[in-house]
């Protein structure tokens, strides 16, 4: 069973993102952290900057921390959710 969310650590504007959104980027998480996304979630999650880096295919220090990155991640989540099929749509 897959978890529903990935915790976002130390952020002011959000506390989690959909796990399904970051899950396709497992290989980048392993490159950046040497751990699976599930293990990272069990250990408390990721800072917003590291979540963005994983999903953008970047090294974990390539993205700056701070509120602008949190806004960027919120917009990524919004765009991802908008692209998901709605219940009942096939």
C-alpha atoms as a PDB file:
ATOM      1  CA  UNK A   1       0.000   0.000   0.000  1.00  0.00           C
ATOM      2  CA  UNK A   2       1.344   3.406  -0.911  1.00  0.00           C
ATOM      3  CA  UNK A   3       1.246   6.293   1.503  1.00  0.00           C
ATOM      4  CA  UNK A   4      -0.979   9.266   0.698  1.00  0.00           C
ATOM      5  CA  UNK A   5       1.434  12.110   1.416  1.00  0.00           C
ATOM      6  CA  UNK A   6       5.103  13.042   1.706  1.00  0.00           C
ATOM      7  CA  UNK A   7       5.737  15.233   4.756  1.00  0.00           C
ATOM      8  CA  UNK A   8       7.422  18.570   4.060  1.00  0.00           C
ATOM      9  CA  UNK A   9       9.752  19.526   6.903  1.00  0.00           C
ATOM     10  CA  UNK A  10      10.368  23.011   8.215  1.00  0.00           C
ATOM     11  CA  UNK A  11       8.035  24.761   5.793  1.00  0.00           C
ATOM     12  CA  UNK A  12       5.792  27.661   6.722  1.00  0.00           C
ATOM     13  CA  UNK A  13       3.236  27.392   3.918  1.00  0.00           C
ATOM     14  CA  UNK A  14       2.672  23.651   3.526  1.00  0.00           C
ATOM     15  CA  UNK A  15       3.149  20.482   5.531  1.00  0.00           C
ATOM     16  CA  UNK A  16       2.807  17.756   2.902  1.00  0.00           C
ATOM     17  CA  UNK A  17       2.502  16.985  -0.788  1.00  0.00           C
ATOM     18  CA  UNK A  18       0.767  14.063  -2.517  1.00  0.00           C
ATOM     19  CA  UNK A  19       3.065  11.042  -2.432  1.00  0.00           C
ATOM     20  CA  UNK A  20       1.883  10.059  -5.915  1.00  0.00           C
ATOM     21  CA  UNK A  21       3.328  13.335  -7.202  1.00  0.00           C
ATOM     22  CA  UNK A  22       6.890  12.617  -6.058  1.00  0.00           C
ATOM     23  CA  UNK A  23       6.814   8.819  -6.389  1.00  0.00           C
ATOM     24  CA  UNK A  24       7.765   8.751 -10.112  1.00  0.00           C
ATOM     25  CA  UNK A  25      11.031  10.467  -9.105  1.00  0.00           C
ATOM     26  CA  UNK A  26      12.232   7.642  -6.837  1.00  0.00           C
ATOM     27  CA  UNK A  27      15.498   7.228  -8.769  1.00  0.00           C
ATOM     28  CA  UNK A  28      16.441  10.880  -8.179  1.00  0.00           C
ATOM     29  CA  UNK A  29      15.643  10.507  -4.473  1.00  0.00           C
ATOM     30  CA  UNK A  30      17.993   7.528  -4.346  1.00  0.00           C
ATOM     31  CA  UNK A  31      20.718   9.515  -6.156  1.00  0.00           C
ATOM     32  CA  UNK A  32      20.289  12.526  -3.869  1.00  0.00           C
ATOM     33  CA  UNK A  33      19.786  10.789  -0.540  1.00  0.00           C
ATOM     34  CA  UNK A  34      20.646   7.107  -0.906  1.00  0.00           C
ATOM     35  CA  UNK A  35      17.203   6.296   0.494  1.00  0.00           C
ATOM     36  CA  UNK A  36      13.802   5.475  -0.921  1.00  0.00           C
ATOM     37  CA  UNK A  37      11.020   8.026  -0.776  1.00  0.00           C
ATOM     38  CA  UNK A  38       9.183   5.749   1.660  1.00  0.00           C
ATOM     39  CA  UNK A  39      12.181   5.749   3.999  1.00  0.00           C
ATOM     40  CA  UNK A  40      12.568   9.522   3.714  1.00  0.00           C
ATOM     41  CA  UNK A  41       8.872   9.892   4.599  1.00  0.00           C
ATOM     42  CA  UNK A  42       9.305   7.585   7.599  1.00  0.00           C
ATOM     43  CA  UNK A  43      12.203   9.755   8.774  1.00  0.00           C
ATOM     44  CA  UNK A  44      10.081  12.917   8.702  1.00  0.00           C
ATOM     45  CA  UNK A  45       9.961  13.842   5.030  1.00  0.00           C
ATOM     46  CA  UNK A  46      11.868  16.399   2.996  1.00  0.00           C
ATOM     47  CA  UNK A  47      12.389  20.149   3.082  1.00  0.00           C
ATOM     48  CA  UNK A  48      10.527  21.912   0.261  1.00  0.00           C
ATOM     49  CA  UNK A  49      13.800  22.631  -1.549  1.00  0.00           C
ATOM     50  CA  UNK A  50      14.797  18.966  -1.601  1.00  0.00           C
ATOM     51  CA  UNK A  51      11.349  17.863  -2.792  1.00  0.00           C
ATOM     52  CA  UNK A  52      11.579  20.354  -5.672  1.00  0.00           C
ATOM     53  CA  UNK A  53      15.109  19.190  -6.492  1.00  0.00           C
ATOM     54  CA  UNK A  54      13.994  15.557  -6.648  1.00  0.00           C
ATOM     55  CA  UNK A  55      11.043  16.322  -8.914  1.00  0.00           C
ATOM     56  CA  UNK A  56      13.162  18.541 -11.188  1.00  0.00           C
ATOM     57  CA  UNK A  57      15.959  15.970 -11.470  1.00  0.00           C
ATOM     58  CA  UNK A  58      18.476  18.175  -9.653  1.00  0.00           C
ATOM     59  CA  UNK A  59      21.008  17.523  -6.901  1.00  0.00           C
ATOM     60  CA  UNK A  60      19.608  18.253  -3.454  1.00  0.00           C
ATOM     61  CA  UNK A  61      21.614  21.458  -2.898  1.00  0.00           C
ATOM     62  CA  UNK A  62      20.662  22.945  -6.283  1.00  0.00           C
ATOM     63  CA  UNK A  63      17.443  24.547  -5.007  1.00  0.00           C
ATOM     64  CA  UNK A  64      17.462  27.375  -2.453  1.00  0.00           C
ATOM     65  CA  UNK A  65      15.454  27.090   0.738  1.00  0.00           C
ATOM     66  CA  UNK A  66      12.851  29.643   1.768  1.00  0.00           C
ATOM     67  CA  UNK A  67       9.341  30.883   1.201  1.00  0.00           C
ATOM     68  CA  UNK A  68       9.788  31.448  -2.573  1.00  0.00           C
ATOM     69  CA  UNK A  69      10.617  27.749  -2.948  1.00  0.00           C
ATOM     70  CA  UNK A  70       7.558  26.867  -0.884  1.00  0.00           C
ATOM     71  CA  UNK A  71       5.416  28.984  -3.214  1.00  0.00           C
ATOM     72  CA  UNK A  72       6.994  27.215  -6.176  1.00  0.00           C
ATOM     73  CA  UNK A  73       6.221  23.808  -4.640  1.00  0.00           C
ATOM     74  CA  UNK A  74       2.623  24.857  -3.918  1.00  0.00           C
ATOM     75  CA  UNK A  75       2.265  25.783  -7.590  1.00  0.00           C
ATOM     76  CA  UNK A  76       3.788  22.455  -8.623  1.00  0.00           C
ATOM     77  CA  UNK A  77       1.196  20.661  -6.467  1.00  0.00           C
ATOM     78  CA  UNK A  78      -1.604  22.793  -7.916  1.00  0.00           C
ATOM     79  CA  UNK A  79      -0.493  22.016 -11.484  1.00  0.00           C
ATOM     80  CA  UNK A  80      -0.107  18.306 -10.698  1.00  0.00           C
ATOM     81  CA  UNK A  81      -3.586  18.126  -9.173  1.00  0.00           C
ATOM     82  CA  UNK A  82      -5.107  19.974 -12.148  1.00  0.00           C
ATOM     83  CA  UNK A  83      -3.571  17.395 -14.491  1.00  0.00           C
ATOM     84  CA  UNK A  84      -5.045  14.427 -12.603  1.00  0.00           C
ATOM     85  CA  UNK A  85      -8.185  12.792 -13.998  1.00  0.00           C
ATOM     86  CA  UNK A  86     -11.237  13.667 -11.968  1.00  0.00           C
ATOM     87  CA  UNK A  87     -13.275  10.937 -10.295  1.00  0.00           C
ATOM     88  CA  UNK A  88     -15.714   9.547 -12.838  1.00  0.00           C
ATOM     89  CA  UNK A  89     -13.680  10.737 -15.842  1.00  0.00           C
ATOM     90  CA  UNK A  90     -12.279   7.966 -18.008  1.00  0.00           C
END
